[in-house]
Amino acid sequence: MGRINADPIAVFPDGGHLLVSTTYCGEGQFVCELYMADRGQKDRMDLRVVSSLPEAATCIQAQASAYTQARYLYPGMAEGMKEPPYLIWPGPSLPAFEPEARSRSGQRRRE
């Protein structure tokens, strides 16, 4: 995956990678998001969010939820998907949000 410190949970025949980001949201809550990573121009990665998931009380619960969602979204790849635990990857570098800036629904919002 080049310079990204993320271990894909699935690699597609076209070379795309399915990644899981794991973020601590504060107040003992974790959230994962699924990303599709494809090679872009000039050997850069193009990332797009595939699914945002609800918060969970533990990191492993959040990752298990991401795994279940990935299997649902990509049933043809489900058999070969890597199961949790995953490396902790916070996702792409985006403007920083304080933990309180994530609503209970798991969606990021500005304050």
PDB file of N, CA and C in Angstrom:
ATOM      1  N   MET A   1       0.809  -1.192   0.000  1.00  0.00           N
ATOM      2  CA  MET A   1       0.000   0.000   0.000  1.00  0.00           C
ATOM      3  C   MET A   1       0.850   1.253   0.000  1.00  0.00           C
ATOM      4  N   GLY A   2       2.033   1.181  -0.437  1.00  0.00           N
ATOM      5  CA  GLY A   2       2.848   2.378  -0.514  1.00  0.00           C
ATOM      6  C   GLY A   2       3.188   2.916   0.853  1.00  0.00           C
ATOM      7  N   ARG A   3       2.876   4.197   1.092  1.00  0.00           N
ATOM      8  CA  ARG A   3       3.263   4.857   2.338  1.00  0.00           C
ATOM      9  C   ARG A   3       2.177   4.878   3.391  1.00  0.00           C
ATOM     10  N   ILE A   4       1.062   4.227   3.148  1.00  0.00           N
ATOM     11  CA  ILE A   4      -0.008   4.199   4.136  1.00  0.00           C
ATOM     12  C   ILE A   4       0.250   3.066   5.121  1.00  0.00           C
ATOM     13  N   ASN A   5       0.188   3.380   6.406  1.00  0.00           N
ATOM     14  CA  ASN A   5       0.363   2.357   7.433  1.00  0.00           C
ATOM     15  C   ASN A   5      -0.992   1.720   7.707  1.00  0.00           C
ATOM     16  N   ALA A   6      -1.500   1.013   6.715  1.00  0.00           N
ATOM     17  CA  ALA A   6      -2.796   0.350   6.841  1.00  0.00           C
ATOM     18  C   ALA A   6      -2.689  -1.017   6.180  1.00  0.00           C
ATOM     19  N   ASP A   7      -3.240  -1.983   6.841  1.00  0.00           N
ATOM     20  CA  ASP A   7      -3.256  -3.349   6.339  1.00  0.00           C
ATOM     21  C   ASP A   7      -4.621  -3.597   5.720  1.00  0.00           C
ATOM     22  N   PRO A   8      -4.699  -3.818   4.399  1.00  0.00           N
ATOM     23  CA  PRO A   8      -6.021  -3.997   3.789  1.00  0.00           C
ATOM     24  C   PRO A   8      -6.716  -5.250   4.300  1.00  0.00           C
ATOM     25  N   ILE A   9      -8.029  -5.165   4.436  1.00  0.00           N
ATOM     26  CA  ILE A   9      -8.777  -6.359   4.840  1.00  0.00           C
ATOM     27  C   ILE A   9      -9.173  -7.170   3.619  1.00  0.00           C
ATOM     28  N   ALA A  10      -9.109  -6.536   2.439  1.00  0.00           N
ATOM     29  CA  ALA A  10      -9.374  -7.245   1.186  1.00  0.00           C
ATOM     30  C   ALA A  10      -8.630  -6.529   0.061  1.00  0.00           C
ATOM     31  N   VAL A  11      -8.164  -7.310  -0.899  1.00  0.00           N
ATOM     32  CA  VAL A  11      -7.545  -6.775  -2.111  1.00  0.00           C
ATOM     33  C   VAL A  11      -8.375  -7.284  -3.284  1.00  0.00           C
ATOM     34  N   PHE A  12      -8.861  -6.371  -4.081  1.00  0.00           N
ATOM     35  CA  PHE A  12      -9.738  -6.706  -5.196  1.00  0.00           C
ATOM     36  C   PHE A  12      -8.925  -7.050  -6.440  1.00  0.00           C
ATOM     37  N   PRO A  13      -9.517  -7.789  -7.358  1.00  0.00           N
ATOM     38  CA  PRO A  13      -8.806  -8.179  -8.584  1.00  0.00           C
ATOM     39  C   PRO A  13      -8.248  -6.995  -9.380  1.00  0.00           C
ATOM     40  N   ASP A  14      -8.912  -5.836  -9.297  1.00  0.00           N
ATOM     41  CA  ASP A  14      -8.424  -4.659 -10.027  1.00  0.00           C
ATOM     42  C   ASP A  14      -7.300  -3.934  -9.297  1.00  0.00           C
ATOM     43  N   GLY A  15      -6.886  -4.458  -8.147  1.00  0.00           N
ATOM     44  CA  GLY A  15      -5.800  -3.848  -7.374  1.00  0.00           C
ATOM     45  C   GLY A  15      -6.269  -2.919  -6.274  1.00  0.00           C
ATOM     46  N   GLY A  16      -7.561  -2.662  -6.185  1.00  0.00           N
ATOM     47  CA  GLY A  16      -8.093  -1.813  -5.117  1.00  0.00           C
ATOM     48  C   GLY A  16      -7.969  -2.504  -3.767  1.00  0.00           C
ATOM     49  N   HIS A  17      -7.841  -1.705  -2.728  1.00  0.00           N
ATOM     50  CA  HIS A  17      -7.709  -2.218  -1.366  1.00  0.00           C
ATOM     51  C   HIS A  17      -8.862  -1.697  -0.519  1.00  0.00           C
ATOM     52  N   LEU A  18      -9.413  -2.566   0.314  1.00  0.00           N
ATOM     53  CA  LEU A  18     -10.425  -2.164   1.278  1.00  0.00           C
ATOM     54  C   LEU A  18      -9.730  -1.974   2.618  1.00  0.00           C
ATOM     55  N   LEU A  19      -9.832  -0.756   3.165  1.00  0.00           N
ATOM     56  CA  LEU A  19      -9.152  -0.396   4.408  1.00  0.00           C
ATOM     57  C   LEU A  19     -10.167  -0.071   5.489  1.00  0.00           C
ATOM     58  N   VAL A  20      -9.747  -0.244   6.737  1.00  0.00           N
ATOM     59  CA  VAL A  20     -10.563   0.113   7.891  1.00  0.00           C
ATOM     60  C   VAL A  20      -9.811   1.163   8.698  1.00  0.00           C
ATOM     61  N   SER A  21     -10.454   2.312   8.904  1.00  0.00           N
ATOM     62  CA  SER A  21      -9.869   3.292   9.823  1.00  0.00           C
ATOM     63  C   SER A  21     -10.536   3.106  11.177  1.00  0.00           C
ATOM     64  N   THR A  22      -9.761   3.299  12.231  1.00  0.00           N
ATOM     65  CA  THR A  22     -10.284   3.177  13.591  1.00  0.00           C
ATOM     66  C   THR A  22      -9.922   4.451  14.341  1.00  0.00           C
ATOM     67  N   THR A  23     -10.921   5.077  14.938  1.00  0.00           N
ATOM     68  CA  THR A  23     -10.711   6.350  15.631  1.00  0.00           C
ATOM     69  C   THR A  23     -11.353   6.307  17.005  1.00  0.00           C
ATOM     70  N   TYR A  24     -10.621   6.825  17.989  1.00  0.00           N
ATOM     71  CA  TYR A  24     -11.174   7.003  19.328  1.00  0.00           C
ATOM     72  C   TYR A  24     -11.943   8.314  19.324  1.00  0.00           C
ATOM     73  N   CYS A  25     -13.206   8.278  19.692  1.00  0.00           N
ATOM     74  CA  CYS A  25     -14.076   9.456  19.635  1.00  0.00           C
ATOM     75  C   CYS A  25     -14.184  10.194  20.964  1.00  0.00           C
ATOM     76  N   GLY A  26     -13.592   9.668  21.985  1.00  0.00           N
ATOM     77  CA  GLY A  26     -13.746  10.256  23.305  1.00  0.00           C
ATOM     78  C   GLY A  26     -14.849   9.543  24.061  1.00  0.00           C
ATOM     79  N   GLU A  27     -14.883   9.767  25.355  1.00  0.00           N
ATOM     80  CA  GLU A  27     -15.899   9.167  26.223  1.00  0.00           C
ATOM     81  C   GLU A  27     -15.970   7.647  26.083  1.00  0.00           C
ATOM     82  N   GLY A  28     -14.831   7.008  25.826  1.00  0.00           N
ATOM     83  CA  GLY A  28     -14.784   5.556  25.744  1.00  0.00           C
ATOM     84  C   GLY A  28     -15.458   4.971  24.517  1.00  0.00           C
ATOM     85  N   GLN A  29     -15.542   5.721  23.440  1.00  0.00           N
ATOM     86  CA  GLN A  29     -16.199   5.262  22.224  1.00  0.00           C
ATOM     87  C   GLN A  29     -15.209   5.211  21.054  1.00  0.00           C
ATOM     88  N   PHE A  30     -15.382   4.216  20.189  1.00  0.00           N
ATOM     89  CA  PHE A  30     -14.566   4.050  19.002  1.00  0.00           C
ATOM     90  C   PHE A  30     -15.476   3.980  17.789  1.00  0.00           C
ATOM     91  N   VAL A  31     -14.949   4.387  16.644  1.00  0.00           N
ATOM     92  CA  VAL A  31     -15.708   4.295  15.401  1.00  0.00           C
ATOM     93  C   VAL A  31     -14.756   3.870  14.282  1.00  0.00           C
ATOM     94  N   CYS A  32     -15.273   3.094  13.355  1.00  0.00           N
ATOM     95  CA  CYS A  32     -14.511   2.674  12.186  1.00  0.00           C
ATOM     96  C   CYS A  32     -15.202   3.183  10.930  1.00  0.00           C
ATOM     97  N   GLU A  33     -14.420   3.382   9.891  1.00  0.00           N
ATOM     98  CA  GLU A  33     -14.934   3.709   8.576  1.00  0.00           C
ATOM     99  C   GLU A  33     -14.245   2.800   7.573  1.00  0.00           C
ATOM    100  N   LEU A  34     -14.971   2.417   6.547  1.00  0.00           N
ATOM    101  CA  LEU A  34     -14.400   1.620   5.468  1.00  0.00           C
ATOM    102  C   LEU A  34     -14.009   2.555   4.333  1.00  0.00           C
ATOM    103  N   TYR A  35     -12.814   2.346   3.796  1.00  0.00           N
ATOM    104  CA  TYR A  35     -12.312   3.129   2.668  1.00  0.00           C
ATOM    105  C   TYR A  35     -11.922   2.200   1.534  1.00  0.00           C
ATOM    106  N   MET A  36     -12.144   2.663   0.301  1.00  0.00           N
ATOM    107  CA  MET A  36     -11.624   1.991  -0.867  1.00  0.00           C
ATOM    108  C   MET A  36     -10.407   2.798  -1.314  1.00  0.00           C
ATOM    109  N   ALA A  37      -9.294   2.135  -1.469  1.00  0.00           N
ATOM    110  CA  ALA A  37      -8.059   2.795  -1.890  1.00  0.00           C
ATOM    111  C   ALA A  37      -7.671   2.266  -3.268  1.00  0.00           C
ATOM    112  N   ASP A  38      -7.492   3.186  -4.212  1.00  0.00           N
ATOM    113  CA  ASP A  38      -7.073   2.851  -5.565  1.00  0.00           C
ATOM    114  C   ASP A  38      -5.868   3.697  -5.927  1.00  0.00           C
ATOM    115  N   ARG A  39      -5.045   3.178  -6.813  1.00  0.00           N
ATOM    116  CA  ARG A  39      -3.900   3.956  -7.295  1.00  0.00           C
ATOM    117  C   ARG A  39      -4.414   5.118  -8.127  1.00  0.00           C
ATOM    118  N   GLY A  40      -3.955   6.300  -7.774  1.00  0.00           N
ATOM    119  CA  GLY A  40      -4.313   7.489  -8.532  1.00  0.00           C
ATOM    120  C   GLY A  40      -3.175   7.877  -9.446  1.00  0.00           C
ATOM    121  N   GLN A  41      -3.193   9.102  -9.881  1.00  0.00           N
ATOM    122  CA  GLN A  41      -2.133   9.611 -10.739  1.00  0.00           C
ATOM    123  C   GLN A  41      -0.862   9.829  -9.936  1.00  0.00           C
ATOM    124  N   LYS A  42       0.268   9.700 -10.597  1.00  0.00           N
ATOM    125  CA  LYS A  42       1.586   9.948 -10.000  1.00  0.00           C
ATOM    126  C   LYS A  42       1.807   9.111  -8.747  1.00  0.00           C
ATOM    127  N   ASP A  43       1.370   7.854  -8.778  1.00  0.00           N
ATOM    128  CA  ASP A  43       1.593   6.894  -7.693  1.00  0.00           C
ATOM    129  C   ASP A  43       1.003   7.351  -6.356  1.00  0.00           C
ATOM    130  N   ARG A  44      -0.084   8.111  -6.398  1.00  0.00           N
ATOM    131  CA  ARG A  44      -0.784   8.538  -5.192  1.00  0.00           C
ATOM    132  C   ARG A  44      -2.005   7.660  -4.999  1.00  0.00           C
ATOM    133  N   MET A  45      -2.498   7.589  -3.790  1.00  0.00           N
ATOM    134  CA  MET A  45      -3.684   6.809  -3.492  1.00  0.00           C
ATOM    135  C   MET A  45      -4.925   7.686  -3.544  1.00  0.00           C
ATOM    136  N   ASP A  46      -5.939   7.188  -4.191  1.00  0.00           N
ATOM    137  CA  ASP A  46      -7.251   7.821  -4.157  1.00  0.00           C
ATOM    138  C   ASP A  46      -8.070   7.057  -3.124  1.00  0.00           C
ATOM    139  N   LEU A  47      -8.547   7.765  -2.123  1.00  0.00           N
ATOM    140  CA  LEU A  47      -9.345   7.150  -1.065  1.00  0.00           C
ATOM    141  C   LEU A  47     -10.772   7.679  -1.126  1.00  0.00           C
ATOM    142  N   ARG A  48     -11.722   6.778  -0.940  1.00  0.00           N
ATOM    143  CA  ARG A  48     -13.107   7.216  -0.823  1.00  0.00           C
ATOM    144  C   ARG A  48     -13.763   6.424   0.297  1.00  0.00           C
ATOM    145  N   VAL A  49     -14.597   7.110   1.040  1.00  0.00           N
ATOM    146  CA  VAL A  49     -15.314   6.465   2.137  1.00  0.00           C
ATOM    147  C   VAL A  49     -16.402   5.576   1.539  1.00  0.00           C
ATOM    148  N   VAL A  50     -16.420   4.332   1.969  1.00  0.00           N
ATOM    149  CA  VAL A  50     -17.425   3.381   1.518  1.00  0.00           C
ATOM    150  C   VAL A  50     -18.557   3.310   2.530  1.00  0.00           C
ATOM    151  N   SER A  51     -18.203   3.366   3.816  1.00  0.00           N
ATOM    152  CA  SER A  51     -19.217   3.235   4.854  1.00  0.00           C
ATOM    153  C   SER A  51     -18.704   3.803   6.166  1.00  0.00           C
ATOM    154  N   SER A  52     -19.538   4.588   6.829  1.00  0.00           N
ATOM    155  CA  SER A  52     -19.279   5.039   8.190  1.00  0.00           C
ATOM    156  C   SER A  52     -20.158   4.197   9.103  1.00  0.00           C
ATOM    157  N   LEU A  53     -19.630   3.851  10.239  1.00  0.00           N
ATOM    158  CA  LEU A  53     -20.331   2.929  11.128  1.00  0.00           C
ATOM    159  C   LEU A  53     -20.626   3.584  12.467  1.00  0.00           C
ATOM    160  N   PRO A  54     -21.596   3.050  13.209  1.00  0.00           N
ATOM    161  CA  PRO A  54     -21.927   3.628  14.525  1.00  0.00           C
ATOM    162  C   PRO A  54     -20.795   3.415  15.526  1.00  0.00           C
ATOM    163  N   GLU A  55     -20.823   4.212  16.574  1.00  0.00           N
ATOM    164  CA  GLU A  55     -19.813   4.094  17.622  1.00  0.00           C
ATOM    165  C   GLU A  55     -19.973   2.787  18.376  1.00  0.00           C
ATOM    166  N   ALA A  56     -18.857   2.326  18.967  1.00  0.00           N
ATOM    167  CA  ALA A  56     -18.854   1.107  19.772  1.00  0.00           C
ATOM    168  C   ALA A  56     -18.061   1.370  21.044  1.00  0.00           C
ATOM    169  N   ALA A  57     -18.306   0.568  22.059  1.00  0.00           N
ATOM    170  CA  ALA A  57     -17.669   0.764  23.362  1.00  0.00           C
ATOM    171  C   ALA A  57     -16.195   0.367  23.367  1.00  0.00           C
ATOM    172  N   THR A  58     -15.789  -0.531  22.478  1.00  0.00           N
ATOM    173  CA  THR A  58     -14.384  -0.952  22.429  1.00  0.00           C
ATOM    174  C   THR A  58     -13.889  -0.903  20.991  1.00  0.00           C
ATOM    175  N   CYS A  59     -12.585  -0.854  20.857  1.00  0.00           N
ATOM    176  CA  CYS A  59     -11.955  -0.855  19.539  1.00  0.00           C
ATOM    177  C   CYS A  59     -12.310  -2.132  18.774  1.00  0.00           C
ATOM    178  N   ILE A  60     -12.224  -3.278  19.421  1.00  0.00           N
ATOM    179  CA  ILE A  60     -12.490  -4.542  18.745  1.00  0.00           C
ATOM    180  C   ILE A  60     -13.955  -4.653  18.330  1.00  0.00           C
ATOM    181  N   GLN A  61     -14.877  -4.093  19.109  1.00  0.00           N
ATOM    182  CA  GLN A  61     -16.283  -4.092  18.710  1.00  0.00           C
ATOM    183  C   GLN A  61     -16.496  -3.226  17.466  1.00  0.00           C
ATOM    184  N   ALA A  62     -15.830  -2.081  17.419  1.00  0.00           N
ATOM    185  CA  ALA A  62     -15.939  -1.207  16.247  1.00  0.00           C
ATOM    186  C   ALA A  62     -15.374  -1.902  15.015  1.00  0.00           C
ATOM    187  N   GLN A  63     -14.246  -2.584  15.184  1.00  0.00           N
ATOM    188  CA  GLN A  63     -13.641  -3.281  14.061  1.00  0.00           C
ATOM    189  C   GLN A  63     -14.483  -4.475  13.624  1.00  0.00           C
ATOM    190  N   ALA A  64     -15.105  -5.170  14.556  1.00  0.00           N
ATOM    191  CA  ALA A  64     -15.990  -6.283  14.209  1.00  0.00           C
ATOM    192  C   ALA A  64     -17.191  -5.774  13.416  1.00  0.00           C
ATOM    193  N   SER A  65     -17.703  -4.616  13.781  1.00  0.00           N
ATOM    194  CA  SER A  65     -18.808  -4.008  13.045  1.00  0.00           C
ATOM    195  C   SER A  65     -18.372  -3.663  11.619  1.00  0.00           C
ATOM    196  N   ALA A  66     -17.153  -3.149  11.476  1.00  0.00           N
ATOM    197  CA  ALA A  66     -16.620  -2.823  10.149  1.00  0.00           C
ATOM    198  C   ALA A  66     -16.476  -4.091   9.306  1.00  0.00           C
ATOM    199  N   TYR A  67     -16.001  -5.157   9.919  1.00  0.00           N
ATOM    200  CA  TYR A  67     -15.848  -6.441   9.216  1.00  0.00           C
ATOM    201  C   TYR A  67     -17.201  -6.960   8.737  1.00  0.00           C
ATOM    202  N   THR A  68     -18.199  -6.905   9.591  1.00  0.00           N
ATOM    203  CA  THR A  68     -19.543  -7.357   9.225  1.00  0.00           C
ATOM    204  C   THR A  68     -20.093  -6.524   8.067  1.00  0.00           C
ATOM    205  N   GLN A  69     -19.905  -5.205   8.137  1.00  0.00           N
ATOM    206  CA  GLN A  69     -20.372  -4.316   7.076  1.00  0.00           C
ATOM    207  C   GLN A  69     -19.634  -4.596   5.761  1.00  0.00           C
ATOM    208  N   ALA A  70     -18.336  -4.824   5.830  1.00  0.00           N
ATOM    209  CA  ALA A  70     -17.544  -5.120   4.630  1.00  0.00           C
ATOM    210  C   ALA A  70     -18.025  -6.408   3.966  1.00  0.00           C
ATOM    211  N   ARG A  71     -18.305  -7.421   4.771  1.00  0.00           N
ATOM    212  CA  ARG A  71     -18.815  -8.690   4.226  1.00  0.00           C
ATOM    213  C   ARG A  71     -20.178  -8.491   3.561  1.00  0.00           C
ATOM    214  N   TYR A  72     -20.993  -7.626   4.134  1.00  0.00           N
ATOM    215  CA  TYR A  72     -22.308  -7.327   3.571  1.00  0.00           C
ATOM    216  C   TYR A  72     -22.170  -6.574   2.238  1.00  0.00           C
ATOM    217  N   LEU A  73     -21.268  -5.584   2.203  1.00  0.00           N
ATOM    218  CA  LEU A  73     -21.102  -4.762   1.007  1.00  0.00           C
ATOM    219  C   LEU A  73     -20.426  -5.507  -0.142  1.00  0.00           C
ATOM    220  N   TYR A  74     -19.521  -6.427   0.197  1.00  0.00           N
ATOM    221  CA  TYR A  74     -18.740  -7.135  -0.819  1.00  0.00           C
ATOM    222  C   TYR A  74     -18.836  -8.648  -0.593  1.00  0.00           C
ATOM    223  N   PRO A  75     -20.021  -9.233  -0.793  1.00  0.00           N
ATOM    224  CA  PRO A  75     -20.187 -10.661  -0.511  1.00  0.00           C
ATOM    225  C   PRO A  75     -19.283 -11.560  -1.348  1.00  0.00           C
ATOM    226  N   GLY A  76     -18.928 -11.147  -2.542  1.00  0.00           N
ATOM    227  CA  GLY A  76     -18.046 -11.947  -3.380  1.00  0.00           C
ATOM    228  C   GLY A  76     -16.619 -12.024  -2.857  1.00  0.00           C
ATOM    229  N   MET A  77     -16.249 -11.103  -1.984  1.00  0.00           N
ATOM    230  CA  MET A  77     -14.900 -11.062  -1.402  1.00  0.00           C
ATOM    231  C   MET A  77     -14.896 -11.534   0.048  1.00  0.00           C
ATOM    232  N   ALA A  78     -16.074 -11.833   0.597  1.00  0.00           N
ATOM    233  CA  ALA A  78     -16.227 -12.105   2.028  1.00  0.00           C
ATOM    234  C   ALA A  78     -15.354 -13.256   2.514  1.00  0.00           C
ATOM    235  N   GLU A  79     -15.250 -14.302   1.726  1.00  0.00           N
ATOM    236  CA  GLU A  79     -14.508 -15.481   2.180  1.00  0.00           C
ATOM    237  C   GLU A  79     -13.032 -15.183   2.430  1.00  0.00           C
ATOM    238  N   GLY A  80     -12.442 -14.312   1.655  1.00  0.00           N
ATOM    239  CA  GLY A  80     -11.021 -14.021   1.809  1.00  0.00           C
ATOM    240  C   GLY A  80     -10.693 -12.811   2.664  1.00  0.00           C
ATOM    241  N   MET A  81     -11.701 -12.176   3.260  1.00  0.00           N
ATOM    242  CA  MET A  81     -11.447 -10.966   4.060  1.00  0.00           C
ATOM    243  C   MET A  81     -10.730 -11.295   5.356  1.00  0.00           C
ATOM    244  N   LYS A  82      -9.824 -10.389   5.692  1.00  0.00           N
ATOM    245  CA  LYS A  82      -9.099 -10.515   6.953  1.00  0.00           C
ATOM    246  C   LYS A  82     -10.032 -10.140   8.096  1.00  0.00           C
ATOM    247  N   GLU A  83     -10.048 -10.962   9.133  1.00  0.00           N
ATOM    248  CA  GLU A  83     -10.871 -10.685  10.308  1.00  0.00           C
ATOM    249  C   GLU A  83     -10.116  -9.779  11.283  1.00  0.00           C
ATOM    250  N   PRO A  84     -10.849  -9.064  12.165  1.00  0.00           N
ATOM    251  CA  PRO A  84     -10.187  -8.242  13.181  1.00  0.00           C
ATOM    252  C   PRO A  84      -9.358  -9.111  14.123  1.00  0.00           C
ATOM    253  N   PRO A  85      -8.392  -8.543  14.799  1.00  0.00           N
ATOM    254  CA  PRO A  85      -8.072  -7.119  14.933  1.00  0.00           C
ATOM    255  C   PRO A  85      -7.257  -6.611  13.743  1.00  0.00           C
ATOM    256  N   TYR A  86      -7.383  -5.305  13.505  1.00  0.00           N
ATOM    257  CA  TYR A  86      -6.663  -4.627  12.433  1.00  0.00           C
ATOM    258  C   TYR A  86      -5.667  -3.644  13.028  1.00  0.00           C
ATOM    259  N   LEU A  87      -4.679  -3.272  12.213  1.00  0.00           N
ATOM    260  CA  LEU A  87      -3.782  -2.193  12.604  1.00  0.00           C
ATOM    261  C   LEU A  87      -4.625  -0.939  12.837  1.00  0.00           C
ATOM    262  N   ILE A  88      -4.219  -0.111  13.769  1.00  0.00           N
ATOM    263  CA  ILE A  88      -4.939   1.138  14.014  1.00  0.00           C
ATOM    264  C   ILE A  88      -4.464   2.163  12.986  1.00  0.00           C
ATOM    265  N   TRP A  89      -5.355   2.530  12.106  1.00  0.00           N
ATOM    266  CA  TRP A  89      -5.115   3.557  11.090  1.00  0.00           C
ATOM    267  C   TRP A  89      -6.230   4.575  11.225  1.00  0.00           C
ATOM    268  N   PRO A  90      -5.907   5.834  11.519  1.00  0.00           N
ATOM    269  CA  PRO A  90      -6.954   6.819  11.770  1.00  0.00           C
ATOM    270  C   PRO A  90      -7.640   7.353  10.523  1.00  0.00           C
ATOM    271  N   GLY A  91      -7.257   6.898   9.365  1.00  0.00           N
ATOM    272  CA  GLY A  91      -7.839   7.407   8.125  1.00  0.00           C
ATOM    273  C   GLY A  91      -6.925   8.447   7.516  1.00  0.00           C
ATOM    274  N   PRO A  92      -7.339   9.020   6.405  1.00  0.00           N
ATOM    275  CA  PRO A  92      -6.490  10.011   5.731  1.00  0.00           C
ATOM    276  C   PRO A  92      -6.347  11.265   6.577  1.00  0.00           C
ATOM    277  N   SER A  93      -5.313  12.024   6.299  1.00  0.00           N
ATOM    278  CA  SER A  93      -5.095  13.279   7.019  1.00  0.00           C
ATOM    279  C   SER A  93      -6.148  14.283   6.595  1.00  0.00           C
ATOM    280  N   LEU A  94      -7.019  14.600   7.522  1.00  0.00           N
ATOM    281  CA  LEU A  94      -8.084  15.573   7.310  1.00  0.00           C
ATOM    282  C   LEU A  94      -7.974  16.651   8.370  1.00  0.00           C
ATOM    283  N   PRO A  95      -8.659  17.760   8.205  1.00  0.00           N
ATOM    284  CA  PRO A  95      -8.647  18.757   9.280  1.00  0.00           C
ATOM    285  C   PRO A  95      -9.039  18.108  10.601  1.00  0.00           C
ATOM    286  N   ALA A  96      -8.346  18.491  11.648  1.00  0.00           N
ATOM    287  CA  ALA A  96      -8.567  17.880  12.961  1.00  0.00           C
ATOM    288  C   ALA A  96      -9.928  18.262  13.525  1.00  0.00           C
ATOM    289  N   PHE A  97     -10.564  17.298  14.155  1.00  0.00           N
ATOM    290  CA  PHE A  97     -11.818  17.510  14.858  1.00  0.00           C
ATOM    291  C   PHE A  97     -11.610  17.065  16.293  1.00  0.00           C
ATOM    292  N   GLU A  98     -12.141  17.814  17.211  1.00  0.00           N
ATOM    293  CA  GLU A  98     -12.092  17.417  18.605  1.00  0.00           C
ATOM    294  C   GLU A  98     -13.006  16.215  18.800  1.00  0.00           C
ATOM    295  N   PRO A  99     -12.737  15.340  19.794  1.00  0.00           N
ATOM    296  CA  PRO A  99     -13.612  14.183  20.003  1.00  0.00           C
ATOM    297  C   PRO A  99     -15.086  14.557  20.160  1.00  0.00           C
ATOM    298  N   GLU A 100     -15.379  15.704  20.772  1.00  0.00           N
ATOM    299  CA  GLU A 100     -16.768  16.122  20.966  1.00  0.00           C
ATOM    300  C   GLU A 100     -17.420  16.520  19.645  1.00  0.00           C
ATOM    301  N   ALA A 101     -16.626  16.739  18.594  1.00  0.00           N
ATOM    302  CA  ALA A 101     -17.163  17.184  17.309  1.00  0.00           C
ATOM    303  C   ALA A 101     -17.816  16.043  16.544  1.00  0.00           C
ATOM    304  N   ARG A 102     -17.764  14.846  17.050  1.00  0.00           N
ATOM    305  CA  ARG A 102     -18.427  13.714  16.403  1.00  0.00           C
ATOM    306  C   ARG A 102     -19.737  13.497  17.141  1.00  0.00           C
ATOM    307  N   SER A 103     -20.806  13.564  16.413  1.00  0.00           N
ATOM    308  CA  SER A 103     -22.113  13.414  17.043  1.00  0.00           C
ATOM    309  C   SER A 103     -22.349  11.973  17.444  1.00  0.00           C
ATOM    310  N   ARG A 104     -23.354  11.719  18.189  1.00  0.00           N
ATOM    311  CA  ARG A 104     -23.711  10.365  18.627  1.00  0.00           C
ATOM    312  C   ARG A 104     -24.033   9.459  17.456  1.00  0.00           C
ATOM    313  N   SER A 105     -24.426  10.018  16.328  1.00  0.00           N
ATOM    314  CA  SER A 105     -24.758   9.181  15.172  1.00  0.00           C
ATOM    315  C   SER A 105     -23.513   8.702  14.458  1.00  0.00           C
ATOM    316  N   GLY A 106     -22.332   9.194  14.872  1.00  0.00           N
ATOM    317  CA  GLY A 106     -21.098   8.765  14.234  1.00  0.00           C
ATOM    318  C   GLY A 106     -20.692   9.653  13.066  1.00  0.00           C
ATOM    319  N   GLN A 107     -21.446  10.696  12.782  1.00  0.00           N
ATOM    320  CA  GLN A 107     -21.114  11.584  11.682  1.00  0.00           C
ATOM    321  C   GLN A 107     -20.294  12.753  12.200  1.00  0.00           C
ATOM    322  N   ARG A 108     -19.285  13.136  11.452  1.00  0.00           N
ATOM    323  CA  ARG A 108     -18.461  14.276  11.850  1.00  0.00           C
ATOM    324  C   ARG A 108     -19.231  15.556  11.583  1.00  0.00           C
ATOM    325  N   ARG A 109     -19.049  16.517  12.481  1.00  0.00           N
ATOM    326  CA  ARG A 109     -19.682  17.806  12.297  1.00  0.00           C
ATOM    327  C   ARG A 109     -18.759  18.885  12.814  1.00  0.00           C
ATOM    328  N   ARG A 110     -18.882  20.071  12.269  1.00  0.00           N
ATOM    329  CA  ARG A 110     -18.089  21.211  12.745  1.00  0.00           C
ATOM    330  C   ARG A 110     -18.848  21.906  13.857  1.00  0.00           C
ATOM    331  N   GLU A 111     -18.073  22.454  14.779  1.00  0.00           N
ATOM    332  CA  GLU A 111     -18.703  23.210  15.866  1.00  0.00           C
ATOM    333  C   GLU A 111     -18.472  24.684  15.678  1.00  0.00           C
TER     334      GLU A 111
END
